[in-house]
Each structure stands twice: as C-alpha cells, then as structure tokens.
Amino acid sequence: MAEILTEIVHHPSAWFGRDLVNDSSWIVHLGRSHLAEIATAVESATRRRLPFAALTKDDFPLPTLGPQLRQWQ
C-alpha cells in the first residue's frame, strides 16, 4: 500500500486547491466513448466479482482511454 504523507510538501510540484480554483487548464472532459469504455470495464470487473483491492490494470482494460491517462499522468 502507498505511504501516507503526514507532512506538508514544499516542492514546485505541490499544489493546493486555492491555487487551482481559478485555473481550468488542468480539467479534462471525457467524451462519450471514453465514458462508455469505463462503463464496459466496470461491468466486466463486476461480472467477475473481483474485489476492488485485487484489481489490476489488466482487469480494467481501457484501450483508447488508457494511453490518454498515461499521457496525462
């Protein structure tokens, strides 16, 4: 499991909500095809009764959205 930070991060990559409230450049709007792809992946995982903690990227295929997510990451 990922480590939980307990101290404030002082680094240029750190941000606060107040820094983004008037900046929409980081917002991405998903299209209908991406939303349908997510719904299909959720339905597939649900049908197989996979516990959330056991899911991997292979259990949640996103053929067109996946590359976009990696790019945004």
PDB file of N, CA and C in Angstrom:
ATOM      1  N   MET A   1       0.842  -1.176   0.000  1.00  0.00           N
ATOM      2  CA  MET A   1       0.000   0.000   0.000  1.00  0.00           C
ATOM      3  C   MET A   1       0.888   1.240   0.000  1.00  0.00           C
ATOM      4  N   ALA A   2       0.404   2.301  -0.597  1.00  0.00           N
ATOM      5  CA  ALA A   2       1.172   3.539  -0.698  1.00  0.00           C
ATOM      6  C   ALA A   2       1.343   4.185   0.678  1.00  0.00           C
ATOM      7  N   GLU A   3       2.453   4.843   0.830  1.00  0.00           N
ATOM      8  CA  GLU A   3       2.743   5.557   2.071  1.00  0.00           C
ATOM      9  C   GLU A   3       1.863   6.803   2.161  1.00  0.00           C
ATOM     10  N   ILE A   4       1.364   7.093   3.345  1.00  0.00           N
ATOM     11  CA  ILE A   4       0.554   8.283   3.559  1.00  0.00           C
ATOM     12  C   ILE A   4       1.458   9.385   4.106  1.00  0.00           C
ATOM     13  N   LEU A   5       1.491  10.503   3.387  1.00  0.00           N
ATOM     14  CA  LEU A   5       2.323  11.619   3.826  1.00  0.00           C
ATOM     15  C   LEU A   5       1.664  12.329   5.000  1.00  0.00           C
ATOM     16  N   THR A   6       2.456  12.680   5.985  1.00  0.00           N
ATOM     17  CA  THR A   6       1.919  13.365   7.157  1.00  0.00           C
ATOM     18  C   THR A   6       2.491  14.769   7.306  1.00  0.00           C
ATOM     19  N   GLU A   7       3.381  15.162   6.414  1.00  0.00           N
ATOM     20  CA  GLU A   7       3.975  16.492   6.473  1.00  0.00           C
ATOM     21  C   GLU A   7       3.658  17.251   5.187  1.00  0.00           C
ATOM     22  N   ILE A   8       3.632  18.567   5.276  1.00  0.00           N
ATOM     23  CA  ILE A   8       3.377  19.409   4.107  1.00  0.00           C
ATOM     24  C   ILE A   8       4.550  19.278   3.139  1.00  0.00           C
ATOM     25  N   VAL A   9       4.227  19.130   1.868  1.00  0.00           N
ATOM     26  CA  VAL A   9       5.247  19.009   0.826  1.00  0.00           C
ATOM     27  C   VAL A   9       5.600  20.419   0.342  1.00  0.00           C
ATOM     28  N   HIS A  10       6.862  20.767   0.418  1.00  0.00           N
ATOM     29  CA  HIS A  10       7.342  22.060  -0.068  1.00  0.00           C
ATOM     30  C   HIS A  10       8.175  21.808  -1.320  1.00  0.00           C
ATOM     31  N   HIS A  11       7.515  21.800  -2.454  1.00  0.00           N
ATOM     32  CA  HIS A  11       8.165  21.493  -3.722  1.00  0.00           C
ATOM     33  C   HIS A  11       7.360  22.154  -4.825  1.00  0.00           C
ATOM     34  N   PRO A  12       8.006  22.561  -5.921  1.00  0.00           N
ATOM     35  CA  PRO A  12       7.259  23.203  -7.019  1.00  0.00           C
ATOM     36  C   PRO A  12       6.120  22.350  -7.577  1.00  0.00           C
ATOM     37  N   SER A  13       6.191  21.030  -7.411  1.00  0.00           N
ATOM     38  CA  SER A  13       5.134  20.167  -7.939  1.00  0.00           C
ATOM     39  C   SER A  13       3.931  20.082  -6.999  1.00  0.00           C
ATOM     40  N   ALA A  14       4.069  20.580  -5.776  1.00  0.00           N
ATOM     41  CA  ALA A  14       2.964  20.542  -4.817  1.00  0.00           C
ATOM     42  C   ALA A  14       1.964  21.647  -5.136  1.00  0.00           C
ATOM     43  N   TRP A  15       0.691  21.392  -4.875  1.00  0.00           N
ATOM     44  CA  TRP A  15      -0.340  22.380  -5.151  1.00  0.00           C
ATOM     45  C   TRP A  15      -1.408  22.327  -4.071  1.00  0.00           C
ATOM     46  N   PHE A  16      -2.176  23.384  -3.991  1.00  0.00           N
ATOM     47  CA  PHE A  16      -3.299  23.484  -3.077  1.00  0.00           C
ATOM     48  C   PHE A  16      -4.536  23.822  -3.899  1.00  0.00           C
ATOM     49  N   GLY A  17      -5.698  23.458  -3.396  1.00  0.00           N
ATOM     50  CA  GLY A  17      -6.939  23.759  -4.090  1.00  0.00           C
ATOM     51  C   GLY A  17      -7.073  25.231  -4.429  1.00  0.00           C
ATOM     52  N   ARG A  18      -6.665  26.086  -3.519  1.00  0.00           N
ATOM     53  CA  ARG A  18      -6.784  27.537  -3.752  1.00  0.00           C
ATOM     54  C   ARG A  18      -5.951  27.978  -4.956  1.00  0.00           C
ATOM     55  N   ASP A  19      -4.897  27.192  -5.282  1.00  0.00           N
ATOM     56  CA  ASP A  19      -4.070  27.520  -6.439  1.00  0.00           C
ATOM     57  C   ASP A  19      -4.771  27.179  -7.759  1.00  0.00           C
ATOM     58  N   LEU A  20      -5.726  26.267  -7.707  1.00  0.00           N
ATOM     59  CA  LEU A  20      -6.357  25.774  -8.931  1.00  0.00           C
ATOM     60  C   LEU A  20      -7.784  26.262  -9.143  1.00  0.00           C
ATOM     61  N   VAL A  21      -8.364  26.883  -8.142  1.00  0.00           N
ATOM     62  CA  VAL A  21      -9.764  27.248  -8.204  1.00  0.00           C
ATOM     63  C   VAL A  21     -10.108  28.119  -9.418  1.00  0.00           C
ATOM     64  N   ASN A  22      -9.216  28.973  -9.843  1.00  0.00           N
ATOM     65  CA  ASN A  22      -9.480  29.848 -10.993  1.00  0.00           C
ATOM     66  C   ASN A  22      -8.702  29.440 -12.236  1.00  0.00           C
ATOM     67  N   ASP A  23      -8.189  28.227 -12.246  1.00  0.00           N
ATOM     68  CA  ASP A  23      -7.395  27.735 -13.370  1.00  0.00           C
ATOM     69  C   ASP A  23      -8.015  26.443 -13.890  1.00  0.00           C
ATOM     70  N   SER A  24      -8.603  26.485 -15.054  1.00  0.00           N
ATOM     71  CA  SER A  24      -9.255  25.292 -15.598  1.00  0.00           C
ATOM     72  C   SER A  24      -8.353  24.519 -16.566  1.00  0.00           C
ATOM     73  N   SER A  25      -7.095  24.926 -16.681  1.00  0.00           N
ATOM     74  CA  SER A  25      -6.203  24.277 -17.650  1.00  0.00           C
ATOM     75  C   SER A  25      -5.933  22.809 -17.319  1.00  0.00           C
ATOM     76  N   TRP A  26      -6.161  22.400 -16.091  1.00  0.00           N
ATOM     77  CA  TRP A  26      -5.886  21.027 -15.666  1.00  0.00           C
ATOM     78  C   TRP A  26      -7.113  20.127 -15.782  1.00  0.00           C
ATOM     79  N   ILE A  27      -8.262  20.686 -16.134  1.00  0.00           N
ATOM     80  CA  ILE A  27      -9.502  19.919 -16.226  1.00  0.00           C
ATOM     81  C   ILE A  27      -9.600  19.256 -17.598  1.00  0.00           C
ATOM     82  N   VAL A  28      -9.935  17.991 -17.592  1.00  0.00           N
ATOM     83  CA  VAL A  28     -10.098  17.224 -18.831  1.00  0.00           C
ATOM     84  C   VAL A  28     -11.539  16.736 -18.886  1.00  0.00           C
ATOM     85  N   HIS A  29     -12.197  16.971 -19.992  1.00  0.00           N
ATOM     86  CA  HIS A  29     -13.568  16.497 -20.184  1.00  0.00           C
ATOM     87  C   HIS A  29     -13.523  15.220 -21.019  1.00  0.00           C
ATOM     88  N   LEU A  30     -14.062  14.151 -20.458  1.00  0.00           N
ATOM     89  CA  LEU A  30     -14.086  12.879 -21.172  1.00  0.00           C
ATOM     90  C   LEU A  30     -15.261  12.856 -22.145  1.00  0.00           C
ATOM     91  N   GLY A  31     -15.016  12.250 -23.300  1.00  0.00           N
ATOM     92  CA  GLY A  31     -16.066  12.112 -24.296  1.00  0.00           C
ATOM     93  C   GLY A  31     -16.931  10.891 -24.024  1.00  0.00           C
ATOM     94  N   ARG A  32     -18.025  10.786 -24.752  1.00  0.00           N
ATOM     95  CA  ARG A  32     -18.950   9.661 -24.585  1.00  0.00           C
ATOM     96  C   ARG A  32     -18.260   8.312 -24.782  1.00  0.00           C
ATOM     97  N   SER A  33     -17.347   8.244 -25.740  1.00  0.00           N
ATOM     98  CA  SER A  33     -16.679   6.954 -25.995  1.00  0.00           C
ATOM     99  C   SER A  33     -15.795   6.561 -24.819  1.00  0.00           C
ATOM    100  N   HIS A  34     -15.141   7.535 -24.190  1.00  0.00           N
ATOM    101  CA  HIS A  34     -14.312   7.230 -23.017  1.00  0.00           C
ATOM    102  C   HIS A  34     -15.179   6.794 -21.844  1.00  0.00           C
ATOM    103  N   LEU A  35     -16.310   7.468 -21.651  1.00  0.00           N
ATOM    104  CA  LEU A  35     -17.216   7.097 -20.567  1.00  0.00           C
ATOM    105  C   LEU A  35     -17.787   5.698 -20.793  1.00  0.00           C
ATOM    106  N   ALA A  36     -18.112   5.381 -22.038  1.00  0.00           N
ATOM    107  CA  ALA A  36     -18.610   4.041 -22.364  1.00  0.00           C
ATOM    108  C   ALA A  36     -17.532   2.997 -22.117  1.00  0.00           C
ATOM    109  N   GLU A  37     -16.298   3.329 -22.428  1.00  0.00           N
ATOM    110  CA  GLU A  37     -15.186   2.403 -22.206  1.00  0.00           C
ATOM    111  C   GLU A  37     -15.014   2.123 -20.714  1.00  0.00           C
ATOM    112  N   ILE A  38     -15.123   3.156 -19.890  1.00  0.00           N
ATOM    113  CA  ILE A  38     -15.035   2.978 -18.438  1.00  0.00           C
ATOM    114  C   ILE A  38     -16.191   2.110 -17.950  1.00  0.00           C
ATOM    115  N   ALA A  39     -17.398   2.371 -18.429  1.00  0.00           N
ATOM    116  CA  ALA A  39     -18.567   1.589 -18.025  1.00  0.00           C
ATOM    117  C   ALA A  39     -18.404   0.120 -18.396  1.00  0.00           C
ATOM    118  N   THR A  40     -17.879  -0.150 -19.578  1.00  0.00           N
ATOM    119  CA  THR A  40     -17.647  -1.529 -20.009  1.00  0.00           C
ATOM    120  C   THR A  40     -16.640  -2.224 -19.111  1.00  0.00           C
ATOM    121  N   ALA A  41     -15.564  -1.521 -18.752  1.00  0.00           N
ATOM    122  CA  ALA A  41     -14.546  -2.100 -17.874  1.00  0.00           C
ATOM    123  C   ALA A  41     -15.124  -2.378 -16.485  1.00  0.00           C
ATOM    124  N   VAL A  42     -15.941  -1.470 -15.978  1.00  0.00           N
ATOM    125  CA  VAL A  42     -16.569  -1.668 -14.662  1.00  0.00           C
ATOM    126  C   VAL A  42     -17.506  -2.867 -14.703  1.00  0.00           C
ATOM    127  N   GLU A  43     -18.317  -2.953 -15.757  1.00  0.00           N
ATOM    128  CA  GLU A  43     -19.242  -4.078 -15.891  1.00  0.00           C
ATOM    129  C   GLU A  43     -18.497  -5.406 -15.943  1.00  0.00           C
ATOM    130  N   SER A  44     -17.387  -5.430 -16.665  1.00  0.00           N
ATOM    131  CA  SER A  44     -16.590  -6.654 -16.776  1.00  0.00           C
ATOM    132  C   SER A  44     -16.042  -7.072 -15.420  1.00  0.00           C
ATOM    133  N   ALA A  45     -15.481  -6.129 -14.673  1.00  0.00           N
ATOM    134  CA  ALA A  45     -14.933  -6.437 -13.346  1.00  0.00           C
ATOM    135  C   ALA A  45     -16.049  -6.855 -12.389  1.00  0.00           C
ATOM    136  N   THR A  46     -17.204  -6.204 -12.503  1.00  0.00           N
ATOM    137  CA  THR A  46     -18.337  -6.529 -11.634  1.00  0.00           C
ATOM    138  C   THR A  46     -18.843  -7.941 -11.914  1.00  0.00           C
ATOM    139  N   ARG A  47     -18.960  -8.285 -13.188  1.00  0.00           N
ATOM    140  CA  ARG A  47     -19.422  -9.628 -13.559  1.00  0.00           C
ATOM    141  C   ARG A  47     -18.495 -10.715 -13.012  1.00  0.00           C
ATOM    142  N   ARG A  48     -17.206 -10.412 -12.992  1.00  0.00           N
ATOM    143  CA  ARG A  48     -16.233 -11.403 -12.500  1.00  0.00           C
ATOM    144  C   ARG A  48     -16.078 -11.359 -10.986  1.00  0.00           C
ATOM    145  N   ARG A  49     -16.815 -10.457 -10.339  1.00  0.00           N
ATOM    146  CA  ARG A  49     -16.816 -10.331  -8.874  1.00  0.00           C
ATOM    147  C   ARG A  49     -15.420 -10.154  -8.299  1.00  0.00           C
ATOM    148  N   LEU A  50     -14.638  -9.341  -8.957  1.00  0.00           N
ATOM    149  CA  LEU A  50     -13.289  -9.069  -8.481  1.00  0.00           C
ATOM    150  C   LEU A  50     -13.326  -8.060  -7.346  1.00  0.00           C
ATOM    151  N   PRO A  51     -12.661  -8.359  -6.243  1.00  0.00           N
ATOM    152  CA  PRO A  51     -12.608  -7.353  -5.173  1.00  0.00           C
ATOM    153  C   PRO A  51     -11.796  -6.149  -5.631  1.00  0.00           C
ATOM    154  N   PHE A  52     -12.214  -4.975  -5.204  1.00  0.00           N
ATOM    155  CA  PHE A  52     -11.557  -3.740  -5.634  1.00  0.00           C
ATOM    156  C   PHE A  52     -10.053  -3.796  -5.407  1.00  0.00           C
ATOM    157  N   ALA A  53      -9.635  -4.254  -4.236  1.00  0.00           N
ATOM    158  CA  ALA A  53      -8.210  -4.277  -3.889  1.00  0.00           C
ATOM    159  C   ALA A  53      -7.406  -5.233  -4.772  1.00  0.00           C
ATOM    160  N   ALA A  54      -8.083  -6.170  -5.418  1.00  0.00           N
ATOM    161  CA  ALA A  54      -7.386  -7.141  -6.263  1.00  0.00           C
ATOM    162  C   ALA A  54      -7.294  -6.706  -7.722  1.00  0.00           C
ATOM    163  N   LEU A  55      -7.983  -5.633  -8.093  1.00  0.00           N
ATOM    164  CA  LEU A  55      -7.975  -5.178  -9.485  1.00  0.00           C
ATOM    165  C   LEU A  55      -6.590  -4.728  -9.914  1.00  0.00           C
ATOM    166  N   THR A  56      -6.255  -5.068 -11.132  1.00  0.00           N
ATOM    167  CA  THR A  56      -5.043  -4.550 -11.755  1.00  0.00           C
ATOM    168  C   THR A  56      -5.450  -3.889 -13.065  1.00  0.00           C
ATOM    169  N   LYS A  57      -4.517  -3.240 -13.719  1.00  0.00           N
ATOM    170  CA  LYS A  57      -4.856  -2.596 -14.993  1.00  0.00           C
ATOM    171  C   LYS A  57      -5.300  -3.628 -16.024  1.00  0.00           C
ATOM    172  N   ASP A  58      -4.829  -4.859 -15.911  1.00  0.00           N
ATOM    173  CA  ASP A  58      -5.244  -5.899 -16.853  1.00  0.00           C
ATOM    174  C   ASP A  58      -6.703  -6.301 -16.662  1.00  0.00           C
ATOM    175  N   ASP A  59      -7.245  -6.096 -15.457  1.00  0.00           N
ATOM    176  CA  ASP A  59      -8.649  -6.410 -15.182  1.00  0.00           C
ATOM    177  C   ASP A  59      -9.571  -5.274 -15.601  1.00  0.00           C
ATOM    178  N   PHE A  60      -9.001  -4.144 -15.961  1.00  0.00           N
ATOM    179  CA  PHE A  60      -9.768  -2.944 -16.252  1.00  0.00           C
ATOM    180  C   PHE A  60      -9.278  -2.354 -17.572  1.00  0.00           C
ATOM    181  N   PRO A  61      -9.513  -3.066 -18.679  1.00  0.00           N
ATOM    182  CA  PRO A  61      -8.975  -2.609 -19.966  1.00  0.00           C
ATOM    183  C   PRO A  61      -9.615  -1.314 -20.459  1.00  0.00           C
ATOM    184  N   LEU A  62      -8.758  -0.369 -20.820  1.00  0.00           N
ATOM    185  CA  LEU A  62      -9.191   0.908 -21.378  1.00  0.00           C
ATOM    186  C   LEU A  62      -8.363   1.160 -22.639  1.00  0.00           C
ATOM    187  N   PRO A  63      -8.733   0.499 -23.744  1.00  0.00           N
ATOM    188  CA  PRO A  63      -7.893   0.542 -24.943  1.00  0.00           C
ATOM    189  C   PRO A  63      -7.642   1.929 -25.534  1.00  0.00           C
ATOM    190  N   THR A  64      -8.625   2.817 -25.489  1.00  0.00           N
ATOM    191  CA  THR A  64      -8.374   4.156 -26.046  1.00  0.00           C
ATOM    192  C   THR A  64      -8.115   5.187 -24.961  1.00  0.00           C
ATOM    193  N   LEU A  65      -8.767   5.040 -23.802  1.00  0.00           N
ATOM    194  CA  LEU A  65      -8.561   5.992 -22.719  1.00  0.00           C
ATOM    195  C   LEU A  65      -7.245   5.739 -21.986  1.00  0.00           C
ATOM    196  N   GLY A  66      -6.812   4.493 -21.886  1.00  0.00           N
ATOM    197  CA  GLY A  66      -5.573   4.155 -21.179  1.00  0.00           C
ATOM    198  C   GLY A  66      -4.367   4.948 -21.647  1.00  0.00           C
ATOM    199  N   PRO A  67      -4.104   4.998 -22.958  1.00  0.00           N
ATOM    200  CA  PRO A  67      -2.967   5.801 -23.429  1.00  0.00           C
ATOM    201  C   PRO A  67      -3.096   7.281 -23.077  1.00  0.00           C
ATOM    202  N   GLN A  68      -4.324   7.800 -23.105  1.00  0.00           N
ATOM    203  CA  GLN A  68      -4.534   9.199 -22.718  1.00  0.00           C
ATOM    204  C   GLN A  68      -4.211   9.404 -21.243  1.00  0.00           C
ATOM    205  N   LEU A  69      -4.652   8.469 -20.407  1.00  0.00           N
ATOM    206  CA  LEU A  69      -4.390   8.575 -18.976  1.00  0.00           C
ATOM    207  C   LEU A  69      -2.885   8.570 -18.703  1.00  0.00           C
ATOM    208  N   ARG A  70      -2.165   7.713 -19.406  1.00  0.00           N
ATOM    209  CA  ARG A  70      -0.715   7.671 -19.233  1.00  0.00           C
ATOM    210  C   ARG A  70      -0.086   8.995 -19.663  1.00  0.00           C
ATOM    211  N   GLN A  71      -0.600   9.581 -20.726  1.00  0.00           N
ATOM    212  CA  GLN A  71      -0.077  10.874 -21.194  1.00  0.00           C
ATOM    213  C   GLN A  71      -0.353  11.980 -20.167  1.00  0.00           C
ATOM    214  N   TRP A  72      -1.544  11.983 -19.585  1.00  0.00           N
ATOM    215  CA  TRP A  72      -1.889  12.996 -18.599  1.00  0.00           C
ATOM    216  C   TRP A  72      -1.126  12.813 -17.290  1.00  0.00           C
ATOM    217  N   GLN A  73      -0.766  11.590 -17.018  1.00  0.00           N
ATOM    218  CA  GLN A  73      -0.052  11.282 -15.778  1.00  0.00           C
ATOM    219  C   GLN A  73       1.239  12.029 -15.719  1.00  0.00           C
TER     220      GLN A  73
END
